[in-house]
Amino acid sequence: MSTATPNPSDVKFTPYEPADGEEYMSDAQLEHFRAILLDWKTQLIGEADRTKSYIQDESSAMPDINDRATQEEEFALALRTRDRERKLIRKIDKSILEIDNDDYGFCETCGVEIGLRRLEARPTATQCIDCKTLSEMKERQNQGHT
């Protein structure tokens, strides 16, 4: 049973090449990212369905207590992974809503363009690389003082 969370690099797409003078987050770019997000969401939902089937198929009572404990640990790991994916699906849905509202692709902190390549690597990104780096530095500092 695979417990790896599908990531955007698992979604096959051709990197977007903007035309000369094309405006950032043009309709074509927004459709490009919508397709990436929807494909990623479909993969995640497929993984959830496979996990559900796996647990249903494998949950027969095992006579050996050690085998049962191992199986329960496998189930727990699979369910934790699926829980992370459920949260990721919410982020994907939020990104699709941002596309619908013409808010996608801009940093929620400073308002600058996040950038096509960063969004292709992490389609749910909400911050430009500078703001994200600063946010992570602050987070590390706060963790050091607690």
N, C-alpha and C. Protein backbone atom coordinates (compact mmCIF):
# COMPACT_ATOMS: atom_id res chain seq x y z
N MET A 1 0.84 -1.18 0.00
CA MET A 1 0.00 0.00 0.00
C MET A 1 0.88 1.23 0.00
N SER A 2 0.71 2.11 -0.97
CA SER A 2 1.48 3.33 -1.05
C SER A 2 0.90 4.37 -0.10
N THR A 3 1.78 5.00 0.69
CA THR A 3 1.32 6.07 1.57
C THR A 3 1.88 7.41 1.14
N ALA A 4 2.60 7.45 0.03
CA ALA A 4 3.18 8.70 -0.44
C ALA A 4 2.08 9.61 -0.99
N THR A 5 2.14 10.86 -0.60
CA THR A 5 1.19 11.84 -1.09
C THR A 5 1.59 12.27 -2.49
N PRO A 6 0.67 12.17 -3.46
CA PRO A 6 1.00 12.68 -4.79
C PRO A 6 1.31 14.17 -4.69
N ASN A 7 2.31 14.62 -5.40
CA ASN A 7 2.64 16.03 -5.37
C ASN A 7 2.52 16.60 -6.78
N PRO A 8 2.62 17.92 -6.92
CA PRO A 8 2.40 18.51 -8.23
C PRO A 8 3.36 18.00 -9.29
N SER A 9 4.55 17.53 -8.89
CA SER A 9 5.49 17.02 -9.89
C SER A 9 5.02 15.69 -10.47
N ASP A 10 4.05 15.03 -9.80
CA ASP A 10 3.47 13.80 -10.33
C ASP A 10 2.49 14.09 -11.47
N VAL A 11 2.00 15.32 -11.52
CA VAL A 11 1.05 15.73 -12.56
C VAL A 11 1.87 16.10 -13.79
N LYS A 12 1.60 15.45 -14.89
CA LYS A 12 2.35 15.71 -16.12
C LYS A 12 1.74 16.89 -16.86
N PHE A 13 2.58 17.88 -17.13
CA PHE A 13 2.14 19.05 -17.88
C PHE A 13 3.35 19.63 -18.59
N THR A 14 3.09 20.43 -19.58
CA THR A 14 4.15 21.15 -20.28
C THR A 14 4.29 22.50 -19.62
N PRO A 15 5.50 22.88 -19.20
CA PRO A 15 5.66 24.19 -18.58
C PRO A 15 5.10 25.29 -19.49
N TYR A 16 4.46 26.25 -18.87
CA TYR A 16 3.82 27.33 -19.62
C TYR A 16 4.88 28.28 -20.14
N GLU A 17 4.80 28.59 -21.42
CA GLU A 17 5.69 29.57 -22.05
C GLU A 17 4.87 30.76 -22.49
N PRO A 18 4.94 31.87 -21.74
CA PRO A 18 4.13 33.02 -22.11
C PRO A 18 4.58 33.62 -23.44
N ALA A 19 3.63 34.14 -24.17
CA ALA A 19 3.93 34.83 -25.43
C ALA A 19 4.59 36.17 -25.10
N ASP A 20 5.32 36.70 -26.06
CA ASP A 20 5.94 38.02 -25.86
C ASP A 20 4.87 39.03 -25.49
N GLY A 21 5.08 39.73 -24.40
CA GLY A 21 4.15 40.77 -23.97
C GLY A 21 2.89 40.25 -23.30
N GLU A 22 2.80 38.94 -23.09
CA GLU A 22 1.59 38.39 -22.45
C GLU A 22 1.50 38.86 -21.01
N GLU A 23 0.32 39.28 -20.63
CA GLU A 23 0.08 39.76 -19.27
C GLU A 23 0.15 38.60 -18.29
N TYR A 24 0.72 38.87 -17.11
CA TYR A 24 0.79 37.87 -16.04
C TYR A 24 -0.62 37.47 -15.63
N MET A 25 -0.84 36.19 -15.47
CA MET A 25 -2.11 35.58 -15.12
C MET A 25 -3.20 35.91 -16.14
N SER A 26 -2.80 35.74 -17.39
CA SER A 26 -3.76 35.85 -18.50
C SER A 26 -4.74 34.68 -18.40
N ASP A 27 -5.79 34.72 -19.20
CA ASP A 27 -6.77 33.63 -19.20
C ASP A 27 -6.10 32.29 -19.49
N ALA A 28 -5.16 32.27 -20.43
CA ALA A 28 -4.47 31.02 -20.78
C ALA A 28 -3.64 30.50 -19.60
N GLN A 29 -2.99 31.40 -18.89
CA GLN A 29 -2.20 30.99 -17.73
C GLN A 29 -3.12 30.47 -16.62
N LEU A 30 -4.22 31.15 -16.40
CA LEU A 30 -5.15 30.70 -15.37
C LEU A 30 -5.71 29.31 -15.71
N GLU A 31 -6.01 29.07 -16.97
CA GLU A 31 -6.50 27.74 -17.38
C GLU A 31 -5.42 26.68 -17.21
N HIS A 32 -4.16 27.05 -17.49
CA HIS A 32 -3.02 26.14 -17.30
C HIS A 32 -2.96 25.68 -15.83
N PHE A 33 -3.07 26.65 -14.91
CA PHE A 33 -2.99 26.30 -13.50
C PHE A 33 -4.24 25.59 -13.01
N ARG A 34 -5.39 25.95 -13.55
CA ARG A 34 -6.63 25.23 -13.19
C ARG A 34 -6.48 23.75 -13.56
N ALA A 35 -5.94 23.47 -14.74
CA ALA A 35 -5.77 22.08 -15.18
C ALA A 35 -4.80 21.34 -14.27
N ILE A 36 -3.70 21.99 -13.89
CA ILE A 36 -2.73 21.36 -12.98
C ILE A 36 -3.40 21.04 -11.64
N LEU A 37 -4.11 22.02 -11.09
CA LEU A 37 -4.77 21.83 -9.80
C LEU A 37 -5.83 20.74 -9.85
N LEU A 38 -6.63 20.72 -10.91
CA LEU A 38 -7.68 19.70 -11.02
C LEU A 38 -7.08 18.31 -11.20
N ASP A 39 -6.00 18.19 -11.98
CA ASP A 39 -5.34 16.89 -12.14
C ASP A 39 -4.78 16.40 -10.80
N TRP A 40 -4.16 17.31 -10.07
CA TRP A 40 -3.58 16.97 -8.77
C TRP A 40 -4.68 16.52 -7.81
N LYS A 41 -5.78 17.25 -7.79
CA LYS A 41 -6.91 16.90 -6.93
C LYS A 41 -7.44 15.52 -7.28
N THR A 42 -7.56 15.23 -8.57
CA THR A 42 -8.04 13.91 -9.02
C THR A 42 -7.12 12.81 -8.52
N GLN A 43 -5.81 13.03 -8.59
CA GLN A 43 -4.85 12.04 -8.08
C GLN A 43 -5.04 11.81 -6.58
N LEU A 44 -5.20 12.89 -5.84
CA LEU A 44 -5.37 12.78 -4.39
C LEU A 44 -6.65 12.03 -4.03
N ILE A 45 -7.74 12.32 -4.73
CA ILE A 45 -9.00 11.62 -4.48
C ILE A 45 -8.86 10.15 -4.83
N GLY A 46 -8.13 9.85 -5.90
CA GLY A 46 -7.88 8.46 -6.27
C GLY A 46 -7.11 7.71 -5.20
N GLU A 47 -6.11 8.38 -4.62
CA GLU A 47 -5.35 7.77 -3.53
C GLU A 47 -6.25 7.49 -2.33
N ALA A 48 -7.14 8.41 -2.02
CA ALA A 48 -8.06 8.21 -0.89
C ALA A 48 -8.96 7.01 -1.14
N ASP A 49 -9.45 6.88 -2.36
CA ASP A 49 -10.30 5.74 -2.70
C ASP A 49 -9.53 4.42 -2.60
N ARG A 50 -8.27 4.43 -3.03
CA ARG A 50 -7.45 3.21 -2.94
C ARG A 50 -7.19 2.85 -1.47
N THR A 51 -6.97 3.85 -0.64
CA THR A 51 -6.75 3.59 0.79
C THR A 51 -7.99 2.98 1.42
N LYS A 52 -9.13 3.55 1.09
CA LYS A 52 -10.39 3.03 1.64
C LYS A 52 -10.58 1.57 1.23
N SER A 53 -10.35 1.27 -0.04
CA SER A 53 -10.50 -0.11 -0.52
C SER A 53 -9.50 -1.03 0.16
N TYR A 54 -8.25 -0.55 0.30
CA TYR A 54 -7.19 -1.34 0.93
C TYR A 54 -7.58 -1.71 2.37
N ILE A 55 -8.03 -0.71 3.12
CA ILE A 55 -8.39 -0.97 4.52
C ILE A 55 -9.57 -1.92 4.60
N GLN A 56 -10.57 -1.73 3.74
CA GLN A 56 -11.73 -2.62 3.75
C GLN A 56 -11.32 -4.04 3.38
N ASP A 57 -10.46 -4.18 2.37
CA ASP A 57 -10.05 -5.51 1.91
C ASP A 57 -9.14 -6.23 2.90
N GLU A 58 -8.31 -5.46 3.59
CA GLU A 58 -7.28 -6.07 4.45
C GLU A 58 -7.66 -6.13 5.92
N SER A 59 -8.83 -5.66 6.28
CA SER A 59 -9.15 -5.56 7.71
C SER A 59 -9.75 -6.85 8.29
N SER A 60 -9.45 -7.96 7.68
CA SER A 60 -9.91 -9.23 8.25
C SER A 60 -9.13 -9.48 9.54
N ALA A 61 -9.78 -10.10 10.49
CA ALA A 61 -9.14 -10.37 11.79
C ALA A 61 -7.99 -11.34 11.61
N MET A 62 -6.83 -10.93 12.07
CA MET A 62 -5.65 -11.79 11.99
C MET A 62 -5.48 -12.49 13.34
N PRO A 63 -5.24 -13.80 13.30
CA PRO A 63 -5.11 -14.54 14.55
C PRO A 63 -3.85 -14.15 15.34
N ASP A 64 -2.77 -13.78 14.65
CA ASP A 64 -1.53 -13.46 15.34
C ASP A 64 -1.55 -12.00 15.78
N ILE A 65 -1.32 -11.77 17.06
CA ILE A 65 -1.40 -10.42 17.61
C ILE A 65 -0.34 -9.50 17.00
N ASN A 66 0.84 -10.02 16.68
CA ASN A 66 1.89 -9.21 16.07
C ASN A 66 1.51 -8.79 14.65
N ASP A 67 0.93 -9.72 13.90
CA ASP A 67 0.49 -9.38 12.55
C ASP A 67 -0.60 -8.31 12.60
N ARG A 68 -1.51 -8.45 13.55
CA ARG A 68 -2.61 -7.49 13.69
C ARG A 68 -2.06 -6.11 14.06
N ALA A 69 -1.09 -6.07 14.96
CA ALA A 69 -0.49 -4.79 15.37
C ALA A 69 0.21 -4.12 14.19
N THR A 70 0.92 -4.91 13.40
CA THR A 70 1.60 -4.37 12.22
C THR A 70 0.57 -3.81 11.24
N GLN A 71 -0.50 -4.57 11.03
CA GLN A 71 -1.55 -4.12 10.12
C GLN A 71 -2.19 -2.83 10.62
N GLU A 72 -2.46 -2.74 11.89
CA GLU A 72 -3.08 -1.53 12.44
C GLU A 72 -2.15 -0.32 12.30
N GLU A 73 -0.86 -0.55 12.46
CA GLU A 73 0.11 0.54 12.29
C GLU A 73 0.13 1.00 10.83
N GLU A 74 0.07 0.05 9.89
CA GLU A 74 0.00 0.40 8.47
C GLU A 74 -1.26 1.21 8.17
N PHE A 75 -2.38 0.80 8.74
CA PHE A 75 -3.63 1.54 8.55
C PHE A 75 -3.51 2.96 9.11
N ALA A 76 -2.92 3.08 10.31
CA ALA A 76 -2.77 4.40 10.93
C ALA A 76 -1.90 5.31 10.08
N LEU A 77 -0.82 4.77 9.55
CA LEU A 77 0.06 5.57 8.68
C LEU A 77 -0.68 6.00 7.42
N ALA A 78 -1.40 5.08 6.81
CA ALA A 78 -2.16 5.41 5.60
C ALA A 78 -3.21 6.49 5.89
N LEU A 79 -3.87 6.38 7.02
CA LEU A 79 -4.90 7.36 7.37
C LEU A 79 -4.30 8.73 7.68
N ARG A 80 -3.14 8.77 8.32
CA ARG A 80 -2.46 10.06 8.57
C ARG A 80 -2.09 10.72 7.25
N THR A 81 -1.59 9.91 6.32
CA THR A 81 -1.23 10.45 5.00
C THR A 81 -2.46 10.99 4.30
N ARG A 82 -3.54 10.24 4.34
CA ARG A 82 -4.78 10.69 3.69
C ARG A 82 -5.32 11.95 4.35
N ASP A 83 -5.13 12.09 5.67
CA ASP A 83 -5.57 13.30 6.35
C ASP A 83 -4.79 14.52 5.84
N ARG A 84 -3.49 14.36 5.66
CA ARG A 84 -2.68 15.46 5.07
C ARG A 84 -3.18 15.78 3.67
N GLU A 85 -3.53 14.75 2.92
CA GLU A 85 -4.04 14.96 1.56
C GLU A 85 -5.39 15.66 1.57
N ARG A 86 -6.21 15.35 2.55
CA ARG A 86 -7.51 16.02 2.67
C ARG A 86 -7.30 17.52 2.88
N LYS A 87 -6.33 17.86 3.73
CA LYS A 87 -6.01 19.27 3.95
C LYS A 87 -5.46 19.91 2.67
N LEU A 88 -4.68 19.15 1.93
CA LEU A 88 -4.13 19.65 0.67
C LEU A 88 -5.24 19.88 -0.35
N ILE A 89 -6.22 19.01 -0.37
CA ILE A 89 -7.37 19.20 -1.28
C ILE A 89 -8.08 20.52 -0.96
N ARG A 90 -8.18 20.84 0.32
CA ARG A 90 -8.79 22.13 0.69
C ARG A 90 -7.96 23.30 0.15
N LYS A 91 -6.62 23.18 0.20
CA LYS A 91 -5.77 24.23 -0.36
C LYS A 91 -5.94 24.31 -1.88
N ILE A 92 -6.07 23.16 -2.52
CA ILE A 92 -6.28 23.14 -3.97
C ILE A 92 -7.61 23.82 -4.30
N ASP A 93 -8.66 23.49 -3.55
CA ASP A 93 -9.96 24.13 -3.77
C ASP A 93 -9.87 25.64 -3.57
N LYS A 94 -9.10 26.07 -2.56
CA LYS A 94 -8.92 27.51 -2.31
C LYS A 94 -8.20 28.15 -3.50
N SER A 95 -7.20 27.49 -4.06
CA SER A 95 -6.49 28.02 -5.21
C SER A 95 -7.40 28.12 -6.43
N ILE A 96 -8.25 27.12 -6.63
CA ILE A 96 -9.20 27.16 -7.76
C ILE A 96 -10.17 28.32 -7.56
N LEU A 97 -10.61 28.54 -6.34
CA LEU A 97 -11.49 29.68 -6.06
C LEU A 97 -10.77 31.00 -6.35
N GLU A 98 -9.50 31.08 -6.00
CA GLU A 98 -8.71 32.28 -6.30
C GLU A 98 -8.61 32.50 -7.82
N ILE A 99 -8.48 31.42 -8.58
CA ILE A 99 -8.48 31.54 -10.04
C ILE A 99 -9.82 32.11 -10.50
N ASP A 100 -10.90 31.57 -9.96
CA ASP A 100 -12.24 32.04 -10.33
C ASP A 100 -12.44 33.52 -10.00
N ASN A 101 -11.78 33.98 -8.92
CA ASN A 101 -11.94 35.36 -8.47
C ASN A 101 -10.84 36.29 -8.96
N ASP A 102 -9.98 35.79 -9.87
CA ASP A 102 -8.86 36.58 -10.42
C ASP A 102 -7.88 37.04 -9.33
N ASP A 103 -7.73 36.26 -8.28
CA ASP A 103 -6.78 36.58 -7.21
C ASP A 103 -5.56 35.66 -7.23
N TYR A 104 -5.54 34.70 -8.11
CA TYR A 104 -4.50 33.67 -8.13
C TYR A 104 -3.19 34.22 -8.67
N GLY A 105 -2.10 33.78 -8.06
CA GLY A 105 -0.77 34.09 -8.59
C GLY A 105 -0.11 35.31 -7.99
N PHE A 106 -0.76 35.92 -7.02
CA PHE A 106 -0.21 37.11 -6.38
C PHE A 106 0.00 36.84 -4.90
N CYS A 107 1.10 37.34 -4.36
CA CYS A 107 1.46 37.12 -2.96
C CYS A 107 0.41 37.73 -2.04
N GLU A 108 -0.08 36.93 -1.10
CA GLU A 108 -1.08 37.42 -0.17
C GLU A 108 -0.48 38.37 0.87
N THR A 109 0.84 38.40 0.96
CA THR A 109 1.50 39.27 1.93
C THR A 109 1.84 40.63 1.34
N CYS A 110 2.50 40.62 0.17
CA CYS A 110 2.96 41.89 -0.40
C CYS A 110 2.30 42.26 -1.73
N GLY A 111 1.59 41.31 -2.34
CA GLY A 111 0.86 41.59 -3.57
C GLY A 111 1.63 41.45 -4.87
N VAL A 112 2.92 41.11 -4.81
CA VAL A 112 3.68 40.96 -6.05
C VAL A 112 3.37 39.61 -6.71
N GLU A 113 3.80 39.47 -7.94
CA GLU A 113 3.60 38.21 -8.68
C GLU A 113 4.40 37.09 -8.02
N ILE A 114 3.77 35.96 -7.83
CA ILE A 114 4.46 34.79 -7.27
C ILE A 114 5.39 34.20 -8.32
N GLY A 115 4.97 34.18 -9.57
CA GLY A 115 5.81 33.68 -10.65
C GLY A 115 5.33 32.34 -11.18
N LEU A 116 5.42 32.20 -12.50
CA LEU A 116 4.92 30.99 -13.16
C LEU A 116 5.64 29.73 -12.69
N ARG A 117 6.97 29.77 -12.63
CA ARG A 117 7.72 28.56 -12.29
C ARG A 117 7.48 28.15 -10.84
N ARG A 118 7.40 29.12 -9.94
CA ARG A 118 7.12 28.78 -8.54
C ARG A 118 5.73 28.16 -8.43
N LEU A 119 4.77 28.70 -9.15
CA LEU A 119 3.41 28.15 -9.10
C LEU A 119 3.33 26.78 -9.75
N GLU A 120 4.14 26.55 -10.77
CA GLU A 120 4.16 25.20 -11.37
C GLU A 120 4.75 24.19 -10.39
N ALA A 121 5.74 24.63 -9.60
CA ALA A 121 6.34 23.73 -8.61
C ALA A 121 5.42 23.54 -7.41
N ARG A 122 4.72 24.59 -7.02
CA ARG A 122 3.79 24.54 -5.88
C ARG A 122 2.56 25.35 -6.23
N PRO A 123 1.60 24.70 -6.91
CA PRO A 123 0.42 25.42 -7.41
C PRO A 123 -0.45 26.05 -6.33
N THR A 124 -0.29 25.63 -5.08
CA THR A 124 -1.08 26.21 -3.99
C THR A 124 -0.32 27.30 -3.26
N ALA A 125 0.83 27.73 -3.78
CA ALA A 125 1.61 28.78 -3.12
C ALA A 125 0.78 30.05 -3.01
N THR A 126 0.90 30.70 -1.85
CA THR A 126 0.17 31.94 -1.63
C THR A 126 1.11 33.12 -1.36
N GLN A 127 2.41 32.83 -1.32
CA GLN A 127 3.39 33.89 -1.08
C GLN A 127 4.50 33.83 -2.12
N CYS A 128 5.05 35.00 -2.42
CA CYS A 128 6.23 35.04 -3.28
C CYS A 128 7.40 34.43 -2.50
N ILE A 129 8.47 34.13 -3.18
CA ILE A 129 9.59 33.45 -2.53
C ILE A 129 10.20 34.29 -1.42
N ASP A 130 10.26 35.61 -1.60
CA ASP A 130 10.84 36.48 -0.58
C ASP A 130 10.01 36.46 0.70
N CYS A 131 8.70 36.61 0.58
CA CYS A 131 7.83 36.60 1.76
C CYS A 131 7.82 35.23 2.42
N LYS A 132 7.84 34.18 1.63
CA LYS A 132 7.85 32.82 2.18
C LYS A 132 9.14 32.57 2.95
N THR A 133 10.25 33.00 2.39
CA THR A 133 11.55 32.83 3.06
C THR A 133 11.56 33.58 4.38
N LEU A 134 11.08 34.84 4.37
CA LEU A 134 11.02 35.64 5.58
C LEU A 134 10.11 34.98 6.62
N SER A 135 8.96 34.47 6.18
CA SER A 135 8.02 33.80 7.06
C SER A 135 8.66 32.58 7.71
N GLU A 136 9.40 31.80 6.94
CA GLU A 136 10.07 30.60 7.47
C GLU A 136 11.17 30.98 8.46
N MET A 137 11.89 32.07 8.17
CA MET A 137 12.93 32.53 9.09
C MET A 137 12.31 32.94 10.42
N LYS A 138 11.20 33.68 10.37
CA LYS A 138 10.52 34.09 11.60
C LYS A 138 10.02 32.88 12.37
N GLU A 139 9.50 31.90 11.65
CA GLU A 139 8.99 30.69 12.29
C GLU A 139 10.11 29.95 13.01
N ARG A 140 11.28 29.83 12.35
CA ARG A 140 12.42 29.16 12.98
C ARG A 140 12.87 29.93 14.23
N GLN A 141 12.88 31.27 14.16
CA GLN A 141 13.28 32.07 15.31
C GLN A 141 12.31 31.87 16.47
N ASN A 142 11.01 31.84 16.16
CA ASN A 142 10.00 31.65 17.20
C ASN A 142 10.11 30.28 17.84
N GLN A 143 10.44 29.27 17.05
CA GLN A 143 10.58 27.92 17.59
C GLN A 143 11.79 27.84 18.50
N GLY A 144 12.81 28.63 18.22
CA GLY A 144 14.01 28.63 19.04
C GLY A 144 13.79 29.29 20.39
N HIS A 145 12.77 30.14 20.50
CA HIS A 145 12.53 30.86 21.74
C HIS A 145 11.44 30.23 22.60
N THR A 146 10.86 29.14 22.15
CA THR A 146 9.79 28.54 22.95
C THR A 146 10.30 27.41 23.80
